[in-house]
Protein backbone atom coordinates (compact mmCIF):
# COMPACT_ATOMS: atom_id res chain seq x y z
CA UNK A 1 -1.74 4.83 19.86
CA UNK A 2 -2.63 2.34 16.74
CA UNK A 3 -2.60 1.92 12.86
CA UNK A 4 -5.88 0.31 11.21
CA UNK A 5 -5.85 -1.06 7.55
CA UNK A 6 -8.64 -2.21 5.91
CA UNK A 7 -7.94 -3.67 2.52
CA UNK A 8 -6.44 -6.40 0.60
CA UNK A 9 -5.42 -9.95 1.86
CA UNK A 10 -3.88 -12.13 -1.07
CA UNK A 11 -1.87 -15.18 -2.13
CA UNK A 12 0.51 -13.72 -4.89
CA UNK A 13 1.82 -16.56 -7.20
CA UNK A 14 5.25 -15.14 -8.17
CA UNK A 15 7.27 -16.03 -11.49
CA UNK A 16 10.99 -14.79 -12.05
CA UNK A 17 11.08 -14.09 -16.06
CA UNK A 18 14.28 -12.86 -18.32
CA UNK A 19 11.50 -10.81 -20.00
CA UNK A 20 7.91 -9.57 -19.44
CA UNK A 21 5.72 -11.87 -22.24
CA UNK A 22 4.34 -9.57 -25.24
CA UNK A 23 0.40 -10.17 -25.94
CA UNK A 24 0.08 -14.33 -26.65
CA UNK A 25 3.59 -15.34 -26.41
CA UNK A 26 4.88 -18.15 -24.13
CA UNK A 27 8.16 -17.75 -22.48
CA UNK A 28 10.56 -19.44 -20.45
CA UNK A 29 9.68 -18.99 -16.42
CA UNK A 30 13.43 -19.09 -14.31
CA UNK A 31 11.95 -19.70 -10.80
CA UNK A 32 8.36 -19.90 -9.22
CA UNK A 33 7.17 -19.22 -5.18
CA UNK A 34 4.37 -17.96 -3.35
CA UNK A 35 4.50 -15.23 -0.95
CA UNK A 36 1.89 -13.59 1.22
CA UNK A 37 0.59 -10.17 -0.69
CA UNK A 38 -2.43 -7.83 -1.43
CA UNK A 39 -1.85 -4.32 -0.60
CA UNK A 40 -3.85 -4.31 2.47
CA UNK A 41 -2.07 -6.75 4.20
CA UNK A 42 1.45 -5.92 2.78
CA UNK A 43 1.04 -1.87 4.60
CA UNK A 44 -0.05 -3.87 7.90
CA UNK A 45 3.17 -5.87 7.89
CA UNK A 46 5.16 -3.41 6.67
CA UNK A 47 3.93 -1.23 10.16
CA UNK A 48 3.58 -4.21 12.16
CA UNK A 49 7.45 -4.89 11.12
CA UNK A 50 8.24 -1.49 12.65
CA UNK A 51 6.28 -1.58 15.52
CA UNK A 52 3.39 -0.25 14.96
CA UNK A 53 0.16 -1.95 16.44
CA UNK A 54 -1.46 -2.50 13.44
CA UNK A 55 -5.35 -4.01 12.64
CA UNK A 56 -6.30 -5.41 9.27
CA UNK A 57 -9.65 -5.24 8.47
CA UNK A 58 -10.68 -7.70 5.43
CA UNK A 59 -11.76 -10.92 4.15
CA UNK A 60 -9.88 -14.43 3.16
CA UNK A 61 -11.82 -16.96 1.86
CA UNK A 62 -12.81 -20.47 4.01
CA UNK A 63 -9.51 -22.56 2.49
CA UNK A 64 -6.19 -23.57 2.63
CA UNK A 65 -4.71 -20.25 1.09
CA UNK A 66 -6.63 -18.08 3.60
CA UNK A 67 -5.79 -20.54 6.71
CA UNK A 68 -2.05 -19.66 5.68
CA UNK A 69 -2.31 -16.41 4.69
CA UNK A 70 -3.82 -15.50 8.52
CA UNK A 71 -1.71 -17.16 10.42
CA UNK A 72 1.23 -15.37 8.51
CA UNK A 73 -0.17 -12.22 9.64
CA UNK A 74 -0.05 -13.10 12.83
CA UNK A 75 2.94 -14.21 13.14
CA UNK A 76 4.33 -10.96 11.72
CA UNK A 77 2.18 -9.23 14.61
CA UNK A 78 -0.53 -7.86 12.44
CA UNK A 79 -3.90 -8.03 14.53
CA UNK A 80 -6.54 -10.36 12.90
CA UNK A 81 -9.53 -10.16 14.53
CA UNK A 82 -11.27 -7.93 11.89
CA UNK A 83 -10.68 -10.59 9.35
CA UNK A 84 -13.40 -12.18 8.11
CA UNK A 85 -13.44 -15.85 6.94
CA UNK A 86 -15.72 -16.03 4.27
CA UNK A 87 -16.74 -19.29 3.30
CA UNK A 88 -18.77 -18.66 0.09
CA UNK A 89 -15.59 -17.72 -1.85
CA UNK A 90 -11.83 -18.31 -2.49
CA UNK A 91 -9.00 -16.24 -0.65
CA UNK A 92 -7.99 -13.65 -3.09
CA UNK A 93 -4.47 -14.47 -6.18
CA UNK A 94 -2.40 -11.81 -7.43
CA UNK A 95 -0.42 -13.47 -10.28
CA UNK A 96 2.69 -11.47 -10.34
CA UNK A 97 5.59 -12.01 -13.37
CA UNK A 98 8.61 -9.73 -12.31
CA UNK A 99 11.44 -9.77 -14.66
CA UNK A 100 15.60 -9.22 -15.03
CA UNK A 101 15.16 -5.61 -14.58
CA UNK A 102 12.82 -5.75 -11.58
CA UNK A 103 9.92 -4.29 -13.89
CA UNK A 104 6.55 -6.55 -13.29
CA UNK A 105 3.10 -7.52 -14.25
CA UNK A 106 0.83 -8.32 -11.50
CA UNK A 107 -2.94 -9.86 -12.44
CA UNK A 108 -5.77 -9.88 -9.53
CA UNK A 109 -7.84 -12.20 -8.61
CA UNK A 110 -10.37 -10.72 -6.27
CA UNK A 111 -11.61 -13.45 -4.47
CA UNK A 112 -13.20 -12.95 -0.88
CA UNK A 113 -11.35 -8.84 -1.20
CA UNK A 114 -14.16 -8.63 -3.92
CA UNK A 115 -16.88 -9.12 -1.40
CA UNK A 116 -15.52 -6.72 1.17
CA UNK A 117 -18.77 -4.25 1.95
CA UNK A 118 -20.30 -1.93 4.45
CA UNK A 119 -20.67 -5.27 6.82
CA UNK A 120 -16.70 -5.00 7.30
CA UNK A 121 -16.21 -1.22 7.92
CA UNK A 122 -18.30 -2.05 11.15
CA UNK A 123 -15.66 -4.38 12.48
CA UNK A 124 -13.26 -1.46 12.05
CA UNK A 125 -15.60 1.31 13.89
CA UNK A 126 -15.01 0.47 17.22
CA UNK A 127 -11.21 0.32 16.87
CA UNK A 128 -11.11 4.31 15.76
CA UNK A 129 -11.37 5.88 19.53
CA UNK A 130 -7.55 4.81 19.38
CA UNK A 131 -6.61 4.90 15.82
CA UNK A 132 -3.80 7.10 14.82
CA UNK A 133 -4.24 6.62 11.13
CA UNK A 134 -6.27 4.34 8.53
CA UNK A 135 -4.66 3.03 5.65
CA UNK A 136 -6.85 2.31 2.10
CA UNK A 137 -5.90 1.36 -1.38
CA UNK A 138 -8.49 -0.11 -3.86
CA UNK A 139 -7.98 -3.48 -3.95
CA UNK A 140 -11.41 -3.73 -2.23
CA UNK A 141 -14.69 -2.31 -3.57
CA UNK A 142 -14.58 1.36 -3.62
CA UNK A 143 -18.39 1.52 -1.89
CA UNK A 144 -16.75 0.18 1.40
CA UNK A 145 -13.65 2.15 1.08
CA UNK A 146 -15.88 5.36 1.09
CA UNK A 147 -17.71 4.46 4.14
CA UNK A 148 -14.27 3.33 5.92
CA UNK A 149 -12.90 7.00 5.20
CA UNK A 150 -16.42 8.70 5.89
CA UNK A 151 -16.12 6.95 9.83
CA UNK A 152 -12.53 7.23 9.96
CA UNK A 153 -12.92 11.20 9.26
CA UNK A 154 -15.80 11.25 11.72
CA UNK A 155 -13.41 9.88 14.25
CA UNK A 156 -10.71 12.61 13.75
CA UNK A 157 -8.71 9.51 12.67
CA UNK A 158 -6.06 10.62 9.64
CA UNK A 159 -7.03 8.66 6.26
CA UNK A 160 -4.06 7.68 4.10
CA UNK A 161 -5.34 6.84 0.49
CA UNK A 162 -2.79 4.69 -1.56
CA UNK A 163 -4.90 5.08 -5.23
CA UNK A 164 -3.46 1.82 -6.82
CA UNK A 165 -4.48 -0.03 -8.98
CA UNK A 166 -4.66 2.86 -10.68
CA UNK A 167 -8.30 3.93 -11.01
CA UNK A 168 -9.49 5.72 -14.18
CA UNK A 169 -11.00 8.62 -11.53
CA UNK A 170 -11.95 8.81 -8.16
CA UNK A 171 -15.38 10.33 -6.61
CA UNK A 172 -15.21 13.22 -6.20
CA UNK A 173 -16.67 13.00 -2.63
CA UNK A 174 -13.96 10.95 -1.58
CA UNK A 175 -11.63 13.43 -2.33
CA UNK A 176 -12.08 15.98 0.90
CA UNK A 177 -12.44 12.82 3.40
CA UNK A 178 -8.71 11.63 2.13
CA UNK A 179 -5.80 13.61 5.06
CA UNK A 180 -3.25 12.31 2.32
CA UNK A 181 -2.85 10.56 -1.24
CA UNK A 182 0.35 8.76 -2.64
CA UNK A 183 -0.29 8.12 -6.03
CA UNK A 184 2.85 6.62 -8.02
CA UNK A 185 3.57 8.06 -11.52
CA UNK A 186 1.05 6.08 -13.19
CA UNK A 187 -1.57 6.56 -10.72
CA UNK A 188 -0.91 10.37 -10.53
CA UNK A 189 -1.02 10.34 -14.30
CA UNK A 190 -4.68 8.10 -14.57
CA UNK A 191 -6.24 10.80 -11.62
CA UNK A 192 -4.68 14.19 -13.25
CA UNK A 193 -3.63 13.72 -16.68
CA UNK A 194 -0.44 14.99 -16.32
CA UNK A 195 3.83 12.92 -16.81
CA UNK A 196 5.19 13.20 -14.00
CA UNK A 197 8.12 12.69 -16.30
CA UNK A 198 8.30 16.60 -16.54
CA UNK A 199 9.69 18.06 -13.12
CA UNK A 200 7.30 20.54 -13.38
CA UNK A 201 4.51 18.48 -13.63
CA UNK A 202 4.56 17.26 -9.86
CA UNK A 203 3.84 20.02 -8.67
CA UNK A 204 0.56 20.99 -11.05
CA UNK A 205 -0.51 17.80 -10.13
CA UNK A 206 -0.01 18.19 -6.68
CA UNK A 207 -2.34 21.36 -6.82
CA UNK A 208 -5.08 19.52 -8.90
CA UNK A 209 -4.87 17.22 -6.17
CA UNK A 210 -5.29 19.52 -3.83
CA UNK A 211 -8.12 21.48 -5.05
CA UNK A 212 -10.23 18.67 -5.22
CA UNK A 213 -10.21 18.73 -1.53
CA UNK A 214 -7.30 16.26 -0.43
CA UNK A 215 -5.37 17.53 2.20
CA UNK A 216 -1.73 16.35 1.44
CA UNK A 217 0.03 14.87 -1.83
CA UNK A 218 3.20 12.44 -1.72
CA UNK A 219 3.85 11.34 -5.09
CA UNK A 220 6.48 8.37 -5.43
CA UNK A 221 8.67 8.94 -8.13
CA UNK A 222 10.70 5.86 -7.74
CA UNK A 223 14.57 6.65 -8.42
CA UNK A 224 13.45 9.95 -8.45
CA UNK A 225 12.61 9.80 -4.54
CA UNK A 226 9.31 11.78 -3.47
CA UNK A 227 7.45 15.35 -4.10
CA UNK A 228 5.46 15.96 -1.23
CA UNK A 229 3.06 19.13 -1.24
CA UNK A 230 0.34 20.57 0.64
CA UNK A 231 -1.07 24.22 1.77
CA UNK A 232 1.68 24.98 4.23
CA UNK A 233 4.35 23.74 2.20
CA UNK A 234 6.21 21.60 -0.48
CA UNK A 235 9.17 19.47 -0.44
CA UNK A 236 11.40 16.39 -1.91
CA UNK A 237 12.96 13.76 -0.04
CA UNK A 238 15.68 11.95 -2.42
CA UNK A 239 15.69 8.30 -3.69
CA UNK A 240 17.78 6.02 -1.21
CA UNK A 241 20.55 4.18 -3.54
CA UNK A 242 20.25 0.58 -3.51
CA UNK A 243 20.72 -2.77 -6.05
CA UNK A 244 16.89 -3.01 -6.51
CA UNK A 245 15.68 -6.38 -7.47
CA UNK A 246 11.98 -6.54 -7.50
CA UNK A 247 9.99 -3.71 -7.12
CA UNK A 248 6.74 -5.37 -6.32
CA UNK A 249 5.97 -4.25 -2.56
CA UNK A 250 7.80 -0.68 -2.61
CA UNK A 251 4.83 1.40 -2.80
CA UNK A 252 3.12 -0.77 0.11
CA UNK A 253 6.37 -0.83 2.28
CA UNK A 254 6.18 3.32 1.53
CA UNK A 255 2.51 3.48 3.09
CA UNK A 256 3.50 1.32 5.80
CA UNK A 257 6.17 2.54 7.56
CA UNK A 258 4.84 6.20 6.95
CA UNK A 259 1.85 5.50 9.08
CA UNK A 260 3.94 4.03 11.23
CA UNK A 261 5.87 7.12 11.55
CA UNK A 262 2.90 8.77 12.58
CA UNK A 263 1.98 6.18 14.95
CA UNK A 264 4.91 7.42 16.79
CA UNK A 265 4.51 10.89 16.58
CA UNK A 266 7.28 11.73 13.64
CA UNK A 267 6.22 15.04 11.66
CA UNK A 268 5.31 14.96 8.07
CA UNK A 269 9.25 14.79 7.01
CA UNK A 270 10.21 12.34 8.77
CA UNK A 271 7.37 10.09 8.06
CA UNK A 272 8.26 10.41 3.80
CA UNK A 273 11.83 9.60 5.37
CA UNK A 274 10.51 6.58 7.08
CA UNK A 275 8.54 5.68 3.53
CA UNK A 276 11.31 6.08 1.15
CA UNK A 277 13.76 4.27 3.28
CA UNK A 278 11.07 1.05 3.60
CA UNK A 279 10.38 1.51 0.11
CA UNK A 280 13.99 1.19 -1.31
CA UNK A 281 14.52 -1.42 1.67
CA UNK A 282 11.82 -3.33 0.28
CA UNK A 283 12.52 -3.79 -3.54
CA UNK A 284 16.22 -5.62 -2.36
CA UNK A 285 14.93 -9.00 -2.26
CA UNK A 286 11.79 -10.32 -4.00
CA UNK A 287 8.15 -11.59 -2.77
CA UNK A 288 5.98 -8.85 -1.32
CA UNK A 289 5.74 -9.38 2.23
CA UNK A 290 9.36 -11.57 2.42
CA UNK A 291 10.27 -8.37 1.17
CA UNK A 292 9.48 -5.60 3.61
CA UNK A 293 11.75 -4.45 6.46
CA UNK A 294 11.83 -5.37 10.30
CA UNK A 295 12.52 -2.84 12.71
CA UNK A 296 16.39 -3.88 13.34
CA UNK A 297 17.08 -4.06 9.58
CA UNK A 298 15.04 -0.52 8.72
CA UNK A 299 17.10 1.37 11.96
CA UNK A 300 20.30 -0.08 10.95
CA UNK A 301 19.65 1.64 7.09
CA UNK A 302 18.09 4.84 7.73
CA UNK A 303 21.42 5.13 10.36
CA UNK A 304 23.75 4.41 7.79
CA UNK A 305 22.12 6.42 5.22
C-alpha cells in the first residue's frame, strides 16, 4: 500500500531573530538559510523518511527553485511523477522568522501552488486503488482539495486533512469527506470558536467537528500533547519531552508520521503516538524538511520513551 499527498511545495527562506518584530519595526537577524518546505512536501517527506511509499501531487515553477525542490524530494524517496512543472509561474516561497523561544511567523507566496486545480486531481486518481490514505492541507486552492477528497472517498481511501493555514471556515460539504482532521489550537479555535486552553473545550470542539461529519478529530495541543475523539473512543497522548528550538514543521511531521503508521497497518492510537513522537523530534532541529526524522532516529527515540 502507499500514501498520496496532495498539496503545496515551497522553498522556505528562514531567518533566526532574537524576537519577532512589531509592526513597522526593523530588527537585525542572527542567521539566514534556505530549506525545502511547503506543507504538502513536508508531509510527504515525513512519511517517506519513515519508510512509507509516498506519492506527491502538486506543482512547482519552471525555475531554479523548482529544480532544487524536485531534486530534494527525489533524494528523500518521495515519488514525484505527480508533480507538474508550471512554466507560467514561479515556485512557491515561504518567508519564515523564528525567535529565541522557537515561535515563528510565516508569509507564503503561493506561486505554482496557487494554480493547483482539477487537472492536478486527475494525476492522483490512478494512484488511489493502491493507497491507504490521502493527506490534504490548505496551501493550495480549496476547489482542488474538495475534488481530491471526493475522489479518495469514492475510492475508499482514508482522507486526512490538516486545516492549515488556519481557515476562517471550511465548506459544509467538505466535512463529511474527511476521515481524520488534525487542527492545532489556533486552527481549532478558527473552526469552532472555542479556546482549547480550557480543557473541557477540547471535548466540545471535537464534538462540534464530529457533528459536521468528520469521522475522527485529532487536536494537536503542543506541549500538552494530543487529544483524539471519534464516536467509539476518546483518548489523550502526552507530549514527548524535548528541547525545542524550531516548531515550524512539527505539525507536518505529525501528519506524515501518523499516515505512515496507517500505511503500515497500525491502529489509530498507535498512529497518534507515532505522530506525537515525530512532531517532538522535528522541533529539535531547524528548518522544515531538514528537521524531519529518518526511521532509525525515530525508532530509537520511540524505543527510549
